[in-house]
């Protein structure tokens, strides 16, 4: 009975994964098709990737996406790190409600976040006399990335020994020296994970970017959406394949880092017990 249940569970999981990833697999396969057909395989070719690299509109959108994602990830990582340390040093009765509020943007629908930021920027445009564009897009990405960074760093702070900073200061370190030499190395895995997640969320975002980028700036996801409305070209398959592979690689790096951290933590516990 147990073997039959296990076999049934595995079959059910296989069907779920097939349902989720079969469309993506078909998209990847037809990105190498030699013709524009999306139903008949005509032979292997890299022509659509070559045309993609010669498309100025897509390349411009790609450069915008990468620059916004990198800048937003770096700025959100710095801001999120100091915010997480601030939450950690607060009293529990104050920090818990603030951490709960920090989690709201993560759970909140992207459409609500995008519309609210759009309304805020439009109101600010009337007062400060600027237009929606690259700056507002960057601020929006930083805004929704910070909660993810905080969520990645907080567990590492709680795992850290609270007396390490006091011990470093007793040995002659200033507060800043203790911060850079003790706190940062202890929470560095969380910082790196938070930065990778922030970059992944930025490069994959569409809804919030659509409401905050204005009419002069387009990200890659917005360009793909505009291409699907006008014409369906195999270049879309090539772009989507590259985007999927990029996100997949980043997620694999994050998961591998977490597994290595868990193994290192278990080894440290074993050594401490011995």
C-alpha atoms as a PDB file:
ATOM      1  CA  UNK A   1       0.000   0.000   0.000  1.00  0.00           C
ATOM      2  CA  UNK A   2       2.777   2.398   0.897  1.00  0.00           C
ATOM      3  CA  UNK A   3       4.579   1.734  -2.381  1.00  0.00           C
ATOM      4  CA  UNK A   4       1.378   2.324  -4.325  1.00  0.00           C
ATOM      5  CA  UNK A   5       0.791   5.598  -2.489  1.00  0.00           C
ATOM      6  CA  UNK A   6       4.338   6.730  -3.176  1.00  0.00           C
ATOM      7  CA  UNK A   7       3.983   5.821  -6.841  1.00  0.00           C
ATOM      8  CA  UNK A   8       0.678   7.691  -7.012  1.00  0.00           C
ATOM      9  CA  UNK A   9       2.187  10.739  -5.321  1.00  0.00           C
ATOM     10  CA  UNK A  10       5.141  10.745  -7.714  1.00  0.00           C
ATOM     11  CA  UNK A  11       2.820  10.426 -10.708  1.00  0.00           C
ATOM     12  CA  UNK A  12       0.684  13.288  -9.419  1.00  0.00           C
ATOM     13  CA  UNK A  13       3.757  15.499  -8.906  1.00  0.00           C
ATOM     14  CA  UNK A  14       5.025  14.609 -12.385  1.00  0.00           C
ATOM     15  CA  UNK A  15       1.698  15.648 -13.916  1.00  0.00           C
ATOM     16  CA  UNK A  16       1.783  18.951 -12.002  1.00  0.00           C
ATOM     17  CA  UNK A  17       5.296  19.739 -13.212  1.00  0.00           C
ATOM     18  CA  UNK A  18       4.345  18.725 -16.740  1.00  0.00           C
ATOM     19  CA  UNK A  19       1.347  21.073 -16.632  1.00  0.00           C
ATOM     20  CA  UNK A  20       3.493  23.946 -15.327  1.00  0.00           C
ATOM     21  CA  UNK A  21       6.575  23.580 -17.495  1.00  0.00           C
ATOM     22  CA  UNK A  22       5.319  22.019 -20.745  1.00  0.00           C
ATOM     23  CA  UNK A  23       4.403  25.454 -22.238  1.00  0.00           C
ATOM     24  CA  UNK A  24       7.830  26.830 -21.327  1.00  0.00           C
ATOM     25  CA  UNK A  25       9.526  23.780 -22.830  1.00  0.00           C
ATOM     26  CA  UNK A  26       7.548  24.229 -26.074  1.00  0.00           C
ATOM     27  CA  UNK A  27       8.501  27.924 -26.139  1.00  0.00           C
ATOM     28  CA  UNK A  28      12.193  27.073 -25.726  1.00  0.00           C
ATOM     29  CA  UNK A  29      12.074  24.405 -28.443  1.00  0.00           C
ATOM     30  CA  UNK A  30      10.373  26.670 -31.001  1.00  0.00           C
ATOM     31  CA  UNK A  31      12.810  29.489 -30.287  1.00  0.00           C
ATOM     32  CA  UNK A  32      15.278  27.348 -32.278  1.00  0.00           C
ATOM     33  CA  UNK A  33      12.823  26.653 -35.109  1.00  0.00           C
ATOM     34  CA  UNK A  34      14.023  27.698 -38.577  1.00  0.00           C
ATOM     35  CA  UNK A  35      10.610  29.092 -39.606  1.00  0.00           C
ATOM     36  CA  UNK A  36       7.973  31.313 -38.045  1.00  0.00           C
ATOM     37  CA  UNK A  37       5.665  28.365 -37.455  1.00  0.00           C
ATOM     38  CA  UNK A  38       4.650  27.816 -33.838  1.00  0.00           C
ATOM     39  CA  UNK A  39       3.194  24.376 -34.481  1.00  0.00           C
ATOM     40  CA  UNK A  40       5.439  22.631 -37.035  1.00  0.00           C
ATOM     41  CA  UNK A  41       9.116  21.930 -36.403  1.00  0.00           C
ATOM     42  CA  UNK A  42      11.093  22.786 -39.546  1.00  0.00           C
ATOM     43  CA  UNK A  43      14.655  22.364 -38.338  1.00  0.00           C
ATOM     44  CA  UNK A  44      17.198  23.720 -35.883  1.00  0.00           C
ATOM     45  CA  UNK A  45      18.346  27.313 -36.351  1.00  0.00           C
ATOM     46  CA  UNK A  46      19.747  30.238 -34.361  1.00  0.00           C
ATOM     47  CA  UNK A  47      18.340  32.835 -36.766  1.00  0.00           C
ATOM     48  CA  UNK A  48      15.857  34.259 -34.270  1.00  0.00           C
ATOM     49  CA  UNK A  49      18.598  34.799 -31.697  1.00  0.00           C
ATOM     50  CA  UNK A  50      20.665  36.587 -34.354  1.00  0.00           C
ATOM     51  CA  UNK A  51      17.717  38.802 -35.269  1.00  0.00           C
ATOM     52  CA  UNK A  52      17.113  39.414 -31.593  1.00  0.00           C
ATOM     53  CA  UNK A  53      20.664  40.714 -31.140  1.00  0.00           C
ATOM     54  CA  UNK A  54      20.128  43.100 -34.082  1.00  0.00           C
ATOM     55  CA  UNK A  55      16.812  44.469 -32.802  1.00  0.00           C
ATOM     56  CA  UNK A  56      17.571  47.926 -31.390  1.00  0.00           C
ATOM     57  CA  UNK A  57      14.248  48.149 -29.543  1.00  0.00           C
ATOM     58  CA  UNK A  58      14.835  44.926 -27.615  1.00  0.00           C
ATOM     59  CA  UNK A  59      18.495  45.735 -26.926  1.00  0.00           C
ATOM     60  CA  UNK A  60      17.521  49.154 -25.561  1.00  0.00           C
ATOM     61  CA  UNK A  61      14.874  47.563 -23.338  1.00  0.00           C
ATOM     62  CA  UNK A  62      17.393  44.938 -22.198  1.00  0.00           C
ATOM     63  CA  UNK A  63      19.972  47.570 -21.220  1.00  0.00           C
ATOM     64  CA  UNK A  64      17.302  49.502 -19.302  1.00  0.00           C
ATOM     65  CA  UNK A  65      16.164  46.353 -17.519  1.00  0.00           C
ATOM     66  CA  UNK A  66      19.684  45.338 -16.529  1.00  0.00           C
ATOM     67  CA  UNK A  67      20.696  48.797 -15.326  1.00  0.00           C
ATOM     68  CA  UNK A  68      17.506  49.245 -13.289  1.00  0.00           C
ATOM     69  CA  UNK A  69      17.747  45.729 -11.848  1.00  0.00           C
ATOM     70  CA  UNK A  70      21.406  46.075 -10.836  1.00  0.00           C
ATOM     71  CA  UNK A  71      21.011  49.552  -9.320  1.00  0.00           C
ATOM     72  CA  UNK A  72      17.764  48.650  -7.556  1.00  0.00           C
ATOM     73  CA  UNK A  73      19.280  45.448  -6.146  1.00  0.00           C
ATOM     74  CA  UNK A  74      22.377  47.246  -4.820  1.00  0.00           C
ATOM     75  CA  UNK A  75      20.493  50.189  -3.299  1.00  0.00           C
ATOM     76  CA  UNK A  76      17.770  47.953  -1.846  1.00  0.00           C
ATOM     77  CA  UNK A  77      20.424  45.668  -0.360  1.00  0.00           C
ATOM     78  CA  UNK A  78      22.139  48.541   1.456  1.00  0.00           C
ATOM     79  CA  UNK A  79      18.849  50.060   2.660  1.00  0.00           C
ATOM     80  CA  UNK A  80      17.387  46.675   3.591  1.00  0.00           C
ATOM     81  CA  UNK A  81      20.513  45.679   5.541  1.00  0.00           C
ATOM     82  CA  UNK A  82      20.404  48.772   7.760  1.00  0.00           C
ATOM     83  CA  UNK A  83      16.615  48.446   8.131  1.00  0.00           C
ATOM     84  CA  UNK A  84      16.957  44.808   9.228  1.00  0.00           C
ATOM     85  CA  UNK A  85      19.630  45.739  11.780  1.00  0.00           C
ATOM     86  CA  UNK A  86      17.375  48.532  13.047  1.00  0.00           C
ATOM     87  CA  UNK A  87      14.460  46.089  13.467  1.00  0.00           C
ATOM     88  CA  UNK A  88      16.776  43.635  15.224  1.00  0.00           C
ATOM     89  CA  UNK A  89      17.963  46.236  17.742  1.00  0.00           C
ATOM     90  CA  UNK A  90      14.431  47.407  18.569  1.00  0.00           C
ATOM     91  CA  UNK A  91      12.390  46.051  21.418  1.00  0.00           C
ATOM     92  CA  UNK A  92      10.149  43.146  20.478  1.00  0.00           C
ATOM     93  CA  UNK A  93       6.936  45.067  21.125  1.00  0.00           C
ATOM     94  CA  UNK A  94       8.004  47.639  18.493  1.00  0.00           C
ATOM     95  CA  UNK A  95       9.874  45.413  16.051  1.00  0.00           C
ATOM     96  CA  UNK A  96       7.180  42.778  15.542  1.00  0.00           C
ATOM     97  CA  UNK A  97       4.516  45.186  14.214  1.00  0.00           C
ATOM     98  CA  UNK A  98       7.087  46.833  11.927  1.00  0.00           C
ATOM     99  CA  UNK A  99       8.235  43.465  10.560  1.00  0.00           C
ATOM    100  CA  UNK A 100       4.593  42.592   9.897  1.00  0.00           C
ATOM    101  CA  UNK A 101       4.143  45.883   8.034  1.00  0.00           C
ATOM    102  CA  UNK A 102       7.331  45.119   6.070  1.00  0.00           C
ATOM    103  CA  UNK A 103       5.799  41.829   4.882  1.00  0.00           C
ATOM    104  CA  UNK A 104       2.667  43.529   3.488  1.00  0.00           C
ATOM    105  CA  UNK A 105       4.274  44.621   0.154  1.00  0.00           C
ATOM    106  CA  UNK A 106       5.412  41.024  -0.399  1.00  0.00           C
ATOM    107  CA  UNK A 107       1.888  39.639   0.074  1.00  0.00           C
ATOM    108  CA  UNK A 108       0.144  42.603  -1.541  1.00  0.00           C
ATOM    109  CA  UNK A 109      -0.953  42.319  -5.173  1.00  0.00           C
ATOM    110  CA  UNK A 110       1.432  43.884  -7.682  1.00  0.00           C
ATOM    111  CA  UNK A 111      -1.426  45.772  -9.307  1.00  0.00           C
ATOM    112  CA  UNK A 112      -2.204  47.565  -6.031  1.00  0.00           C
ATOM    113  CA  UNK A 113       1.459  48.451  -5.483  1.00  0.00           C
ATOM    114  CA  UNK A 114       1.839  49.643  -9.075  1.00  0.00           C
ATOM    115  CA  UNK A 115      -1.281  51.831  -9.034  1.00  0.00           C
ATOM    116  CA  UNK A 116      -0.433  53.347  -5.643  1.00  0.00           C
ATOM    117  CA  UNK A 117       3.125  54.204  -6.726  1.00  0.00           C
ATOM    118  CA  UNK A 118       1.798  55.611 -10.006  1.00  0.00           C
ATOM    119  CA  UNK A 119      -0.603  57.906  -8.143  1.00  0.00           C
ATOM    120  CA  UNK A 120       2.190  58.990  -5.794  1.00  0.00           C
ATOM    121  CA  UNK A 121       4.562  59.801  -8.655  1.00  0.00           C
ATOM    122  CA  UNK A 122       1.864  61.636 -10.620  1.00  0.00           C
ATOM    123  CA  UNK A 123       1.101  63.803  -7.566  1.00  0.00           C
ATOM    124  CA  UNK A 124       4.821  64.442  -7.049  1.00  0.00           C
ATOM    125  CA  UNK A 125       5.197  65.300 -10.752  1.00  0.00           C
ATOM    126  CA  UNK A 126       2.664  68.110 -10.361  1.00  0.00           C
ATOM    127  CA  UNK A 127       4.549  69.553  -7.383  1.00  0.00           C
ATOM    128  CA  UNK A 128       8.191  68.984  -8.370  1.00  0.00           C
ATOM    129  CA  UNK A 129       7.652  69.294 -12.152  1.00  0.00           C
ATOM    130  CA  UNK A 130       9.222  66.083 -13.457  1.00  0.00           C
ATOM    131  CA  UNK A 131       7.936  63.295 -15.697  1.00  0.00           C
ATOM    132  CA  UNK A 132       7.559  59.580 -15.203  1.00  0.00           C
ATOM    133  CA  UNK A 133      10.641  57.830 -16.535  1.00  0.00           C
ATOM    134  CA  UNK A 134      13.835  56.075 -15.539  1.00  0.00           C
ATOM    135  CA  UNK A 135      14.003  57.737 -12.105  1.00  0.00           C
ATOM    136  CA  UNK A 136      10.480  56.794 -11.048  1.00  0.00           C
ATOM    137  CA  UNK A 137      11.005  53.267 -12.402  1.00  0.00           C
ATOM    138  CA  UNK A 138      14.184  52.891 -10.332  1.00  0.00           C
ATOM    139  CA  UNK A 139      12.513  54.203  -7.159  1.00  0.00           C
ATOM    140  CA  UNK A 140       9.592  51.808  -7.660  1.00  0.00           C
ATOM    141  CA  UNK A 141      11.930  48.823  -8.022  1.00  0.00           C
ATOM    142  CA  UNK A 142      13.889  49.820  -4.928  1.00  0.00           C
ATOM    143  CA  UNK A 143      10.624  50.148  -3.010  1.00  0.00           C
ATOM    144  CA  UNK A 144       9.326  46.656  -3.693  1.00  0.00           C
ATOM    145  CA  UNK A 145      12.791  45.059  -3.374  1.00  0.00           C
ATOM    146  CA  UNK A 146      13.588  46.288   0.139  1.00  0.00           C
ATOM    147  CA  UNK A 147      11.098  43.961   1.939  1.00  0.00           C
ATOM    148  CA  UNK A 148      12.650  40.911   0.244  1.00  0.00           C
ATOM    149  CA  UNK A 149      16.122  41.959   1.387  1.00  0.00           C
ATOM    150  CA  UNK A 150      14.916  42.464   4.957  1.00  0.00           C
ATOM    151  CA  UNK A 151      13.239  39.061   4.972  1.00  0.00           C
ATOM    152  CA  UNK A 152      16.496  37.448   3.807  1.00  0.00           C
ATOM    153  CA  UNK A 153      18.677  39.151   6.429  1.00  0.00           C
ATOM    154  CA  UNK A 154      16.455  38.938   9.527  1.00  0.00           C
ATOM    155  CA  UNK A 155      16.912  35.151  10.056  1.00  0.00           C
ATOM    156  CA  UNK A 156      20.702  35.552   9.930  1.00  0.00           C
ATOM    157  CA  UNK A 157      20.539  38.290  12.548  1.00  0.00           C
ATOM    158  CA  UNK A 158      18.476  36.106  14.873  1.00  0.00           C
ATOM    159  CA  UNK A 159      20.960  33.253  14.382  1.00  0.00           C
ATOM    160  CA  UNK A 160      23.856  35.519  15.373  1.00  0.00           C
ATOM    161  CA  UNK A 161      25.091  35.500  18.965  1.00  0.00           C
ATOM    162  CA  UNK A 162      23.887  38.721  20.587  1.00  0.00           C
ATOM    163  CA  UNK A 163      27.075  39.048  22.658  1.00  0.00           C
ATOM    164  CA  UNK A 164      29.470  39.125  19.690  1.00  0.00           C
ATOM    165  CA  UNK A 165      29.237  42.902  19.284  1.00  0.00           C
ATOM    166  CA  UNK A 166      29.786  43.486  23.014  1.00  0.00           C
ATOM    167  CA  UNK A 167      32.783  41.126  22.963  1.00  0.00           C
ATOM    168  CA  UNK A 168      34.291  42.959  19.963  1.00  0.00           C
ATOM    169  CA  UNK A 169      33.838  46.331  21.678  1.00  0.00           C
ATOM    170  CA  UNK A 170      35.380  44.986  24.876  1.00  0.00           C
ATOM    171  CA  UNK A 171      38.411  43.959  22.824  1.00  0.00           C
ATOM    172  CA  UNK A 172      38.861  47.520  21.545  1.00  0.00           C
ATOM    173  CA  UNK A 173      36.654  47.788  18.455  1.00  0.00           C
ATOM    174  CA  UNK A 174      34.530  50.834  17.893  1.00  0.00           C
ATOM    175  CA  UNK A 175      30.859  50.328  16.999  1.00  0.00           C
ATOM    176  CA  UNK A 176      31.591  50.768  13.284  1.00  0.00           C
ATOM    177  CA  UNK A 177      34.544  48.367  13.433  1.00  0.00           C
ATOM    178  CA  UNK A 178      32.388  45.806  15.220  1.00  0.00           C
ATOM    179  CA  UNK A 179      29.710  46.289  12.592  1.00  0.00           C
ATOM    180  CA  UNK A 180      32.032  45.720   9.608  1.00  0.00           C
ATOM    181  CA  UNK A 181      34.224  43.021  11.188  1.00  0.00           C
ATOM    182  CA  UNK A 182      31.606  41.058  13.145  1.00  0.00           C
ATOM    183  CA  UNK A 183      28.021  41.767  12.055  1.00  0.00           C
ATOM    184  CA  UNK A 184      28.541  41.983   8.287  1.00  0.00           C
ATOM    185  CA  UNK A 185      30.478  38.673   7.992  1.00  0.00           C
ATOM    186  CA  UNK A 186      27.821  36.938  10.100  1.00  0.00           C
ATOM    187  CA  UNK A 187      24.908  38.119   7.952  1.00  0.00           C
ATOM    188  CA  UNK A 188      26.749  38.114   4.604  1.00  0.00           C
ATOM    189  CA  UNK A 189      24.935  34.988   3.313  1.00  0.00           C
ATOM    190  CA  UNK A 190      21.601  36.722   3.938  1.00  0.00           C
ATOM    191  CA  UNK A 191      22.833  39.902   2.242  1.00  0.00           C
ATOM    192  CA  UNK A 192      23.924  38.009  -0.874  1.00  0.00           C
ATOM    193  CA  UNK A 193      20.683  36.015  -0.999  1.00  0.00           C
ATOM    194  CA  UNK A 194      18.647  39.195  -0.587  1.00  0.00           C
ATOM    195  CA  UNK A 195      20.571  40.925  -3.375  1.00  0.00           C
ATOM    196  CA  UNK A 196      20.076  37.977  -5.752  1.00  0.00           C
ATOM    197  CA  UNK A 197      16.360  37.793  -4.961  1.00  0.00           C
ATOM    198  CA  UNK A 198      16.016  41.560  -5.445  1.00  0.00           C
ATOM    199  CA  UNK A 199      17.768  41.356  -8.820  1.00  0.00           C
ATOM    200  CA  UNK A 200      15.543  38.441  -9.869  1.00  0.00           C
ATOM    201  CA  UNK A 201      12.371  40.246  -8.824  1.00  0.00           C
ATOM    202  CA  UNK A 202      13.441  43.397 -10.688  1.00  0.00           C
ATOM    203  CA  UNK A 203      14.385  41.715 -13.925  1.00  0.00           C
ATOM    204  CA  UNK A 204      11.124  39.741 -13.906  1.00  0.00           C
ATOM    205  CA  UNK A 205       8.725  42.567 -12.979  1.00  0.00           C
ATOM    206  CA  UNK A 206       6.084  43.813 -15.393  1.00  0.00           C
ATOM    207  CA  UNK A 207       3.028  45.190 -13.552  1.00  0.00           C
ATOM    208  CA  UNK A 208       4.768  47.747 -11.320  1.00  0.00           C
ATOM    209  CA  UNK A 209       7.103  48.790 -14.147  1.00  0.00           C
ATOM    210  CA  UNK A 210       4.132  49.278 -16.470  1.00  0.00           C
ATOM    211  CA  UNK A 211       2.546  51.825 -14.105  1.00  0.00           C
ATOM    212  CA  UNK A 212       5.708  53.707 -13.097  1.00  0.00           C
ATOM    213  CA  UNK A 213       7.931  53.818 -16.212  1.00  0.00           C
ATOM    214  CA  UNK A 214       5.936  56.381 -18.176  1.00  0.00           C
ATOM    215  CA  UNK A 215       5.921  56.494 -21.974  1.00  0.00           C
ATOM    216  CA  UNK A 216       9.611  57.176 -22.645  1.00  0.00           C
ATOM    217  CA  UNK A 217      11.174  54.146 -20.928  1.00  0.00           C
ATOM    218  CA  UNK A 218      10.448  50.461 -21.501  1.00  0.00           C
ATOM    219  CA  UNK A 219      11.751  47.387 -19.727  1.00  0.00           C
ATOM    220  CA  UNK A 220      12.184  44.036 -21.431  1.00  0.00           C
ATOM    221  CA  UNK A 221       8.920  42.642 -20.080  1.00  0.00           C
ATOM    222  CA  UNK A 222       7.042  45.714 -21.319  1.00  0.00           C
ATOM    223  CA  UNK A 223       8.626  45.374 -24.760  1.00  0.00           C
ATOM    224  CA  UNK A 224       7.617  41.719 -24.955  1.00  0.00           C
ATOM    225  CA  UNK A 225       4.054  42.668 -24.004  1.00  0.00           C
ATOM    226  CA  UNK A 226       3.915  45.345 -26.710  1.00  0.00           C
ATOM    227  CA  UNK A 227       5.256  42.849 -29.261  1.00  0.00           C
ATOM    228  CA  UNK A 228       2.500  40.353 -28.435  1.00  0.00           C
ATOM    229  CA  UNK A 229      -0.140  43.032 -28.993  1.00  0.00           C
ATOM    230  CA  UNK A 230       1.210  44.106 -32.397  1.00  0.00           C
ATOM    231  CA  UNK A 231       2.648  40.930 -33.881  1.00  0.00           C
ATOM    232  CA  UNK A 232       3.758  37.551 -32.652  1.00  0.00           C
ATOM    233  CA  UNK A 233       7.341  36.958 -33.743  1.00  0.00           C
ATOM    234  CA  UNK A 234       9.651  34.038 -32.899  1.00  0.00           C
ATOM    235  CA  UNK A 235      11.927  36.682 -31.403  1.00  0.00           C
ATOM    236  CA  UNK A 236       9.541  36.634 -28.441  1.00  0.00           C
ATOM    237  CA  UNK A 237      10.380  32.959 -27.942  1.00  0.00           C
ATOM    238  CA  UNK A 238      14.094  33.773 -27.983  1.00  0.00           C
ATOM    239  CA  UNK A 239      13.726  36.669 -25.510  1.00  0.00           C
ATOM    240  CA  UNK A 240      11.518  34.619 -23.200  1.00  0.00           C
ATOM    241  CA  UNK A 241      13.996  31.732 -23.301  1.00  0.00           C
ATOM    242  CA  UNK A 242      16.905  33.982 -22.320  1.00  0.00           C
ATOM    243  CA  UNK A 243      14.844  35.555 -19.526  1.00  0.00           C
ATOM    244  CA  UNK A 244      13.747  32.148 -18.215  1.00  0.00           C
ATOM    245  CA  UNK A 245      17.304  30.799 -18.235  1.00  0.00           C
ATOM    246  CA  UNK A 246      18.606  33.907 -16.434  1.00  0.00           C
ATOM    247  CA  UNK A 247      16.018  33.659 -13.658  1.00  0.00           C
ATOM    248  CA  UNK A 248      16.523  29.888 -13.413  1.00  0.00           C
ATOM    249  CA  UNK A 249      20.296  30.288 -12.992  1.00  0.00           C
ATOM    250  CA  UNK A 250      19.861  32.947 -10.299  1.00  0.00           C
ATOM    251  CA  UNK A 251      17.340  30.828  -8.387  1.00  0.00           C
ATOM    252  CA  UNK A 252      19.671  27.836  -8.643  1.00  0.00           C
ATOM    253  CA  UNK A 253      22.512  29.934  -7.190  1.00  0.00           C
ATOM    254  CA  UNK A 254      20.288  31.059  -4.290  1.00  0.00           C
ATOM    255  CA  UNK A 255      19.178  27.492  -3.534  1.00  0.00           C
ATOM    256  CA  UNK A 256      22.726  26.128  -3.740  1.00  0.00           C
ATOM    257  CA  UNK A 257      23.936  28.823  -1.359  1.00  0.00           C
ATOM    258  CA  UNK A 258      21.172  27.972   1.104  1.00  0.00           C
ATOM    259  CA  UNK A 259      22.059  24.272   0.967  1.00  0.00           C
ATOM    260  CA  UNK A 260      25.734  25.044   1.558  1.00  0.00           C
ATOM    261  CA  UNK A 261      24.829  27.293   4.481  1.00  0.00           C
ATOM    262  CA  UNK A 262      22.680  24.590   6.049  1.00  0.00           C
ATOM    263  CA  UNK A 263      25.489  22.035   5.693  1.00  0.00           C
ATOM    264  CA  UNK A 264      28.026  24.440   7.194  1.00  0.00           C
ATOM    265  CA  UNK A 265      25.656  25.213  10.055  1.00  0.00           C
ATOM    266  CA  UNK A 266      25.123  21.489  10.788  1.00  0.00           C
ATOM    267  CA  UNK A 267      28.888  20.864  10.731  1.00  0.00           C
ATOM    268  CA  UNK A 268      29.436  23.764  13.140  1.00  0.00           C
ATOM    269  CA  UNK A 269      26.832  22.325  15.509  1.00  0.00           C
ATOM    270  CA  UNK A 270      28.483  18.903  15.368  1.00  0.00           C
ATOM    271  CA  UNK A 271      31.907  20.394  16.137  1.00  0.00           C
ATOM    272  CA  UNK A 272      30.470  22.450  18.996  1.00  0.00           C
ATOM    273  CA  UNK A 273      28.919  19.344  20.544  1.00  0.00           C
ATOM    274  CA  UNK A 274      32.195  17.436  20.245  1.00  0.00           C
END
